[in-house]
Amino acid sequence: MPLESGAKIRELSDEECWQRLRDHPAKVGRVGIGGPSPDILPVNYLVDGHSVVFRTAQGKKLAAVGRGERVVFEVDDVEPHWRQGWSVVLRGFAEHIGDAEEQERLAELPLHPWDPSPKTEFVRITTHLVSGREIA
């Protein structure tokens, strides 16, 4: 279905992308992990400077970080009734945060996974490219 008359696709600036990530009410995004069989996994996140941090347990996400794989991270917000929305995509590398002081600092931030299972590990996505688009 084509865009409605007057609707436009607009590229978001880097700062607009970071602001959308910071202001997203649910703080839920998706991490894409490559390799021979790519996966897209939901995570609760927070913005820390110009990086994204999430908590995880032992498993696919943490294993991919240990292998040094590239990751992609996406957050969006849509209003289907009005056919409006936006999407922000970060591309970069994820790293397991092993430093005890950094873990303590991050543990004090409002990063609360929805999944009740223990999420004791922190992962930081260091961004090499940020892009975003808005349909309005």
N, C-alpha and C. Protein backbone atom coordinates (compact mmCIF):
# COMPACT_ATOMS: atom_id res chain seq x y z
N MET A 1 0.85 -1.17 0.00
CA MET A 1 0.00 0.00 0.00
C MET A 1 0.90 1.24 0.00
N PRO A 2 0.69 2.19 -0.92
CA PRO A 2 1.53 3.39 -0.98
C PRO A 2 1.28 4.30 0.22
N LEU A 3 2.25 5.19 0.46
CA LEU A 3 2.09 6.17 1.53
C LEU A 3 0.90 7.07 1.22
N GLU A 4 0.18 7.47 2.27
CA GLU A 4 -0.94 8.39 2.09
C GLU A 4 -0.42 9.73 1.61
N SER A 5 -1.26 10.46 0.94
CA SER A 5 -0.90 11.78 0.46
C SER A 5 -0.39 12.63 1.62
N GLY A 6 0.75 13.24 1.45
CA GLY A 6 1.33 14.09 2.48
C GLY A 6 2.28 13.36 3.41
N ALA A 7 2.23 12.02 3.44
CA ALA A 7 3.15 11.27 4.29
C ALA A 7 4.54 11.29 3.65
N LYS A 8 5.55 11.40 4.51
CA LYS A 8 6.92 11.49 4.01
C LYS A 8 7.82 10.60 4.83
N ILE A 9 8.83 10.05 4.17
CA ILE A 9 9.88 9.31 4.86
C ILE A 9 11.03 10.29 5.04
N ARG A 10 11.49 10.40 6.28
CA ARG A 10 12.56 11.34 6.60
C ARG A 10 13.67 10.60 7.33
N GLU A 11 14.89 10.88 6.91
CA GLU A 11 16.06 10.34 7.61
C GLU A 11 16.23 11.10 8.92
N LEU A 12 16.50 10.37 10.01
CA LEU A 12 16.75 11.00 11.30
C LEU A 12 18.24 11.29 11.45
N SER A 13 18.56 12.39 12.10
CA SER A 13 19.96 12.71 12.38
C SER A 13 20.47 11.76 13.47
N ASP A 14 21.79 11.69 13.62
CA ASP A 14 22.35 10.84 14.67
C ASP A 14 21.78 11.22 16.04
N GLU A 15 21.72 12.50 16.34
CA GLU A 15 21.22 12.93 17.66
C GLU A 15 19.74 12.58 17.82
N GLU A 16 18.94 12.73 16.75
CA GLU A 16 17.53 12.33 16.83
C GLU A 16 17.41 10.83 17.11
N CYS A 17 18.28 10.03 16.49
CA CYS A 17 18.26 8.58 16.73
C CYS A 17 18.53 8.29 18.20
N TRP A 18 19.59 8.91 18.76
CA TRP A 18 19.91 8.66 20.17
C TRP A 18 18.80 9.14 21.09
N GLN A 19 18.18 10.26 20.73
CA GLN A 19 17.08 10.77 21.56
C GLN A 19 15.90 9.81 21.54
N ARG A 20 15.59 9.25 20.37
CA ARG A 20 14.48 8.28 20.28
C ARG A 20 14.79 7.05 21.13
N LEU A 21 16.04 6.59 21.11
CA LEU A 21 16.43 5.45 21.94
C LEU A 21 16.28 5.77 23.42
N ARG A 22 16.72 6.96 23.82
CA ARG A 22 16.62 7.34 25.24
C ARG A 22 15.17 7.49 25.68
N ASP A 23 14.30 8.02 24.81
CA ASP A 23 12.92 8.33 25.17
C ASP A 23 11.94 7.18 24.97
N HIS A 24 12.36 6.09 24.37
CA HIS A 24 11.44 4.98 24.08
C HIS A 24 10.81 4.50 25.38
N PRO A 25 9.47 4.51 25.48
CA PRO A 25 8.83 4.21 26.77
C PRO A 25 9.03 2.78 27.26
N ALA A 26 9.08 1.80 26.38
CA ALA A 26 9.20 0.41 26.82
C ALA A 26 10.65 -0.03 27.00
N LYS A 27 11.59 0.67 26.38
CA LYS A 27 13.01 0.29 26.43
C LYS A 27 13.20 -1.17 26.04
N VAL A 28 12.51 -1.59 24.98
CA VAL A 28 12.67 -2.93 24.43
C VAL A 28 13.14 -2.78 22.99
N GLY A 29 14.23 -3.45 22.68
CA GLY A 29 14.76 -3.46 21.33
C GLY A 29 15.06 -4.88 20.92
N ARG A 30 15.63 -5.03 19.73
CA ARG A 30 15.97 -6.34 19.21
C ARG A 30 17.43 -6.36 18.81
N VAL A 31 18.14 -7.40 19.27
CA VAL A 31 19.54 -7.60 18.91
C VAL A 31 19.60 -8.68 17.84
N GLY A 32 20.24 -8.35 16.73
CA GLY A 32 20.47 -9.32 15.67
C GLY A 32 21.89 -9.84 15.76
N ILE A 33 22.00 -11.15 15.89
CA ILE A 33 23.29 -11.81 16.02
C ILE A 33 23.52 -12.63 14.77
N GLY A 34 24.67 -12.43 14.12
CA GLY A 34 24.96 -13.08 12.84
C GLY A 34 25.38 -14.52 12.97
N GLY A 35 26.37 -14.87 12.20
CA GLY A 35 26.82 -16.25 12.16
C GLY A 35 26.08 -17.02 11.09
N PRO A 36 26.28 -18.33 11.03
CA PRO A 36 25.67 -19.12 9.96
C PRO A 36 24.15 -19.21 10.07
N SER A 37 23.60 -19.00 11.25
CA SER A 37 22.15 -19.06 11.45
C SER A 37 21.74 -17.86 12.29
N PRO A 38 21.52 -16.68 11.66
CA PRO A 38 21.24 -15.45 12.41
C PRO A 38 19.99 -15.55 13.27
N ASP A 39 20.03 -14.84 14.37
CA ASP A 39 18.89 -14.74 15.28
C ASP A 39 18.61 -13.28 15.58
N ILE A 40 17.35 -13.00 15.90
CA ILE A 40 16.94 -11.68 16.38
C ILE A 40 16.27 -11.93 17.72
N LEU A 41 16.82 -11.31 18.77
CA LEU A 41 16.36 -11.58 20.13
C LEU A 41 15.96 -10.29 20.83
N PRO A 42 14.81 -10.28 21.50
CA PRO A 42 14.39 -9.07 22.21
C PRO A 42 15.20 -8.88 23.50
N VAL A 43 15.48 -7.62 23.81
CA VAL A 43 16.17 -7.28 25.06
C VAL A 43 15.62 -5.97 25.61
N ASN A 44 15.65 -5.85 26.94
CA ASN A 44 15.43 -4.56 27.58
C ASN A 44 16.78 -3.87 27.57
N TYR A 45 16.81 -2.57 27.35
CA TYR A 45 18.07 -1.86 27.20
C TYR A 45 18.02 -0.52 27.89
N LEU A 46 19.19 0.09 27.97
CA LEU A 46 19.27 1.50 28.31
C LEU A 46 20.41 2.10 27.51
N VAL A 47 20.33 3.41 27.34
CA VAL A 47 21.38 4.15 26.64
C VAL A 47 22.35 4.65 27.69
N ASP A 48 23.63 4.36 27.48
CA ASP A 48 24.69 4.80 28.38
C ASP A 48 25.72 5.53 27.53
N GLY A 49 25.64 6.87 27.56
CA GLY A 49 26.49 7.65 26.66
C GLY A 49 26.00 7.44 25.23
N HIS A 50 26.91 7.03 24.35
CA HIS A 50 26.54 6.69 22.98
C HIS A 50 26.74 5.19 22.75
N SER A 51 26.24 4.41 23.69
CA SER A 51 26.21 2.95 23.55
C SER A 51 24.92 2.44 24.15
N VAL A 52 24.59 1.21 23.84
CA VAL A 52 23.41 0.55 24.37
C VAL A 52 23.87 -0.58 25.27
N VAL A 53 23.25 -0.71 26.43
CA VAL A 53 23.61 -1.75 27.39
C VAL A 53 22.37 -2.59 27.67
N PHE A 54 22.56 -3.90 27.76
CA PHE A 54 21.48 -4.78 28.18
C PHE A 54 22.04 -5.86 29.10
N ARG A 55 21.13 -6.46 29.86
CA ARG A 55 21.49 -7.56 30.76
C ARG A 55 21.10 -8.86 30.08
N THR A 56 21.85 -9.91 30.39
CA THR A 56 21.54 -11.22 29.83
C THR A 56 22.05 -12.31 30.76
N ALA A 57 21.69 -13.52 30.45
CA ALA A 57 22.20 -14.69 31.17
C ALA A 57 23.14 -15.44 30.22
N GLN A 58 23.74 -16.50 30.69
CA GLN A 58 24.53 -17.35 29.81
C GLN A 58 23.62 -17.84 28.69
N GLY A 59 24.15 -17.84 27.46
CA GLY A 59 23.34 -18.32 26.33
C GLY A 59 23.81 -17.73 25.03
N LYS A 60 22.92 -17.70 24.03
CA LYS A 60 23.27 -17.27 22.67
C LYS A 60 23.86 -15.87 22.61
N LYS A 61 23.21 -14.93 23.29
CA LYS A 61 23.67 -13.54 23.20
C LYS A 61 25.07 -13.40 23.76
N LEU A 62 25.31 -13.97 24.91
CA LEU A 62 26.62 -13.86 25.54
C LEU A 62 27.67 -14.64 24.76
N ALA A 63 27.31 -15.79 24.21
CA ALA A 63 28.24 -16.58 23.41
C ALA A 63 28.66 -15.82 22.15
N ALA A 64 27.72 -15.13 21.51
CA ALA A 64 28.04 -14.36 20.31
C ALA A 64 29.00 -13.22 20.63
N VAL A 65 28.80 -12.60 21.79
CA VAL A 65 29.70 -11.52 22.21
C VAL A 65 31.11 -12.07 22.39
N GLY A 66 31.22 -13.25 22.98
CA GLY A 66 32.53 -13.87 23.19
C GLY A 66 33.25 -14.21 21.90
N ARG A 67 32.48 -14.44 20.84
CA ARG A 67 33.08 -14.74 19.53
C ARG A 67 33.42 -13.47 18.76
N GLY A 68 33.06 -12.31 19.30
CA GLY A 68 33.37 -11.04 18.64
C GLY A 68 32.54 -10.76 17.41
N GLU A 69 31.35 -11.33 17.33
CA GLU A 69 30.50 -11.13 16.16
C GLU A 69 29.97 -9.70 16.11
N ARG A 70 29.75 -9.25 14.88
CA ARG A 70 29.06 -7.98 14.69
C ARG A 70 27.60 -8.17 15.10
N VAL A 71 27.00 -7.09 15.57
CA VAL A 71 25.58 -7.15 15.94
C VAL A 71 24.86 -5.96 15.32
N VAL A 72 23.56 -6.10 15.26
CA VAL A 72 22.70 -5.01 14.86
C VAL A 72 21.64 -4.90 15.95
N PHE A 73 21.24 -3.67 16.25
CA PHE A 73 20.25 -3.42 17.30
C PHE A 73 19.19 -2.50 16.70
N GLU A 74 17.91 -2.84 16.91
CA GLU A 74 16.83 -2.06 16.32
C GLU A 74 15.76 -1.77 17.36
N VAL A 75 15.26 -0.54 17.32
CA VAL A 75 14.14 -0.10 18.15
C VAL A 75 13.18 0.64 17.23
N ASP A 76 11.89 0.46 17.45
CA ASP A 76 10.93 1.21 16.64
C ASP A 76 9.71 1.56 17.47
N ASP A 77 8.89 2.39 16.88
CA ASP A 77 7.62 2.77 17.49
C ASP A 77 6.68 3.08 16.33
N VAL A 78 5.51 2.46 16.33
CA VAL A 78 4.57 2.67 15.23
C VAL A 78 3.19 3.01 15.75
N GLU A 79 2.47 3.76 14.96
CA GLU A 79 1.07 4.09 15.19
C GLU A 79 0.30 3.59 13.97
N PRO A 80 -0.17 2.33 13.99
CA PRO A 80 -0.80 1.76 12.80
C PRO A 80 -2.02 2.54 12.31
N HIS A 81 -2.81 3.03 13.25
CA HIS A 81 -4.01 3.76 12.86
C HIS A 81 -3.67 4.98 12.00
N TRP A 82 -2.61 5.67 12.37
CA TRP A 82 -2.21 6.89 11.65
C TRP A 82 -1.16 6.60 10.58
N ARG A 83 -0.71 5.33 10.51
CA ARG A 83 0.31 4.93 9.53
C ARG A 83 1.55 5.81 9.68
N GLN A 84 1.97 5.98 10.92
CA GLN A 84 3.16 6.75 11.24
C GLN A 84 4.08 5.90 12.10
N GLY A 85 5.35 6.22 12.09
CA GLY A 85 6.27 5.52 12.96
C GLY A 85 7.71 5.86 12.65
N TRP A 86 8.59 5.24 13.39
CA TRP A 86 10.02 5.46 13.20
C TRP A 86 10.77 4.19 13.56
N SER A 87 11.99 4.11 13.08
CA SER A 87 12.87 2.98 13.38
C SER A 87 14.30 3.50 13.48
N VAL A 88 15.04 3.01 14.47
CA VAL A 88 16.45 3.35 14.63
C VAL A 88 17.24 2.04 14.63
N VAL A 89 18.32 2.02 13.88
CA VAL A 89 19.17 0.83 13.76
C VAL A 89 20.60 1.22 14.11
N LEU A 90 21.20 0.44 15.02
CA LEU A 90 22.62 0.60 15.37
C LEU A 90 23.37 -0.60 14.84
N ARG A 91 24.54 -0.37 14.28
CA ARG A 91 25.42 -1.45 13.84
C ARG A 91 26.74 -1.32 14.56
N GLY A 92 27.27 -2.43 15.03
CA GLY A 92 28.55 -2.36 15.73
C GLY A 92 28.94 -3.70 16.31
N PHE A 93 29.64 -3.63 17.43
CA PHE A 93 30.11 -4.83 18.11
C PHE A 93 29.59 -4.81 19.54
N ALA A 94 29.35 -5.99 20.07
CA ALA A 94 28.93 -6.11 21.46
C ALA A 94 30.08 -6.67 22.27
N GLU A 95 30.19 -6.20 23.50
CA GLU A 95 31.24 -6.71 24.38
C GLU A 95 30.65 -7.04 25.74
N HIS A 96 31.11 -8.14 26.29
CA HIS A 96 30.72 -8.53 27.64
C HIS A 96 31.45 -7.61 28.61
N ILE A 97 30.75 -7.05 29.56
CA ILE A 97 31.36 -6.15 30.54
C ILE A 97 31.79 -7.00 31.73
N GLY A 98 33.09 -7.17 31.85
CA GLY A 98 33.63 -8.00 32.92
C GLY A 98 34.21 -7.23 34.08
N ASP A 99 34.43 -5.92 33.90
CA ASP A 99 35.01 -5.10 34.95
C ASP A 99 34.02 -4.94 36.11
N ALA A 100 34.45 -5.30 37.32
CA ALA A 100 33.57 -5.30 38.49
C ALA A 100 33.02 -3.91 38.81
N GLU A 101 33.87 -2.88 38.72
CA GLU A 101 33.40 -1.52 39.01
C GLU A 101 32.35 -1.07 38.01
N GLU A 102 32.57 -1.38 36.74
CA GLU A 102 31.61 -1.02 35.70
C GLU A 102 30.30 -1.79 35.91
N GLN A 103 30.39 -3.05 36.28
CA GLN A 103 29.19 -3.83 36.56
C GLN A 103 28.40 -3.22 37.72
N GLU A 104 29.09 -2.79 38.76
CA GLU A 104 28.42 -2.17 39.91
C GLU A 104 27.72 -0.88 39.49
N ARG A 105 28.40 -0.07 38.67
CA ARG A 105 27.81 1.18 38.21
C ARG A 105 26.54 0.89 37.40
N LEU A 106 26.63 -0.07 36.47
CA LEU A 106 25.48 -0.39 35.64
C LEU A 106 24.34 -1.00 36.44
N ALA A 107 24.66 -1.76 37.48
CA ALA A 107 23.63 -2.38 38.31
C ALA A 107 22.77 -1.34 39.01
N GLU A 108 23.29 -0.13 39.19
CA GLU A 108 22.55 0.96 39.84
C GLU A 108 21.61 1.68 38.87
N LEU A 109 21.77 1.46 37.58
CA LEU A 109 20.95 2.14 36.58
C LEU A 109 19.61 1.42 36.42
N PRO A 110 18.59 2.12 35.93
CA PRO A 110 17.25 1.52 35.82
C PRO A 110 17.12 0.58 34.60
N LEU A 111 17.79 -0.54 34.69
CA LEU A 111 17.76 -1.55 33.64
C LEU A 111 17.14 -2.81 34.22
N HIS A 112 15.86 -3.02 33.94
CA HIS A 112 15.11 -4.09 34.57
C HIS A 112 14.50 -5.00 33.51
N PRO A 113 15.11 -6.16 33.25
CA PRO A 113 14.54 -7.09 32.26
C PRO A 113 13.12 -7.52 32.64
N TRP A 114 12.29 -7.73 31.64
CA TRP A 114 10.93 -8.20 31.87
C TRP A 114 10.93 -9.67 32.24
N ASP A 115 11.88 -10.42 31.70
CA ASP A 115 12.00 -11.85 31.99
C ASP A 115 12.46 -12.00 33.44
N PRO A 116 11.74 -12.75 34.25
CA PRO A 116 12.09 -12.85 35.67
C PRO A 116 13.32 -13.71 35.97
N SER A 117 13.84 -14.44 34.98
CA SER A 117 15.02 -15.27 35.26
C SER A 117 16.24 -14.37 35.50
N PRO A 118 17.20 -14.83 36.27
CA PRO A 118 18.37 -14.00 36.60
C PRO A 118 19.16 -13.58 35.36
N LYS A 119 19.42 -12.31 35.25
CA LYS A 119 20.21 -11.74 34.16
C LYS A 119 21.41 -11.05 34.80
N THR A 120 22.46 -11.79 35.04
CA THR A 120 23.58 -11.28 35.83
C THR A 120 24.70 -10.68 34.98
N GLU A 121 24.64 -10.86 33.67
CA GLU A 121 25.72 -10.37 32.80
C GLU A 121 25.28 -9.10 32.08
N PHE A 122 26.24 -8.19 31.88
CA PHE A 122 25.98 -6.95 31.15
C PHE A 122 26.71 -7.01 29.81
N VAL A 123 26.05 -6.50 28.78
CA VAL A 123 26.63 -6.42 27.44
C VAL A 123 26.47 -4.99 26.95
N ARG A 124 27.54 -4.46 26.34
CA ARG A 124 27.52 -3.12 25.76
C ARG A 124 27.67 -3.23 24.25
N ILE A 125 26.80 -2.53 23.52
CA ILE A 125 26.93 -2.45 22.07
C ILE A 125 27.62 -1.13 21.75
N THR A 126 28.81 -1.25 21.20
CA THR A 126 29.57 -0.09 20.75
C THR A 126 29.21 0.13 19.29
N THR A 127 28.74 1.31 19.00
CA THR A 127 28.15 1.60 17.70
C THR A 127 29.16 2.18 16.72
N HIS A 128 29.12 1.63 15.51
CA HIS A 128 29.92 2.17 14.42
C HIS A 128 29.06 2.96 13.44
N LEU A 129 27.77 2.64 13.43
CA LEU A 129 26.86 3.32 12.51
C LEU A 129 25.48 3.37 13.14
N VAL A 130 24.87 4.54 13.15
CA VAL A 130 23.50 4.71 13.63
C VAL A 130 22.70 5.33 12.50
N SER A 131 21.50 4.82 12.29
CA SER A 131 20.64 5.38 11.26
C SER A 131 19.20 5.25 11.71
N GLY A 132 18.36 6.11 11.16
CA GLY A 132 16.96 6.07 11.53
C GLY A 132 16.10 6.70 10.46
N ARG A 133 14.87 6.27 10.44
CA ARG A 133 13.89 6.81 9.49
C ARG A 133 12.57 7.00 10.20
N GLU A 134 11.84 7.99 9.72
CA GLU A 134 10.52 8.29 10.26
C GLU A 134 9.54 8.42 9.12
N ILE A 135 8.36 7.85 9.31
CA ILE A 135 7.26 8.06 8.37
C ILE A 135 6.25 8.91 9.10
N ALA A 136 6.01 10.09 8.57
CA ALA A 136 5.08 11.02 9.23
C ALA A 136 4.24 11.74 8.20
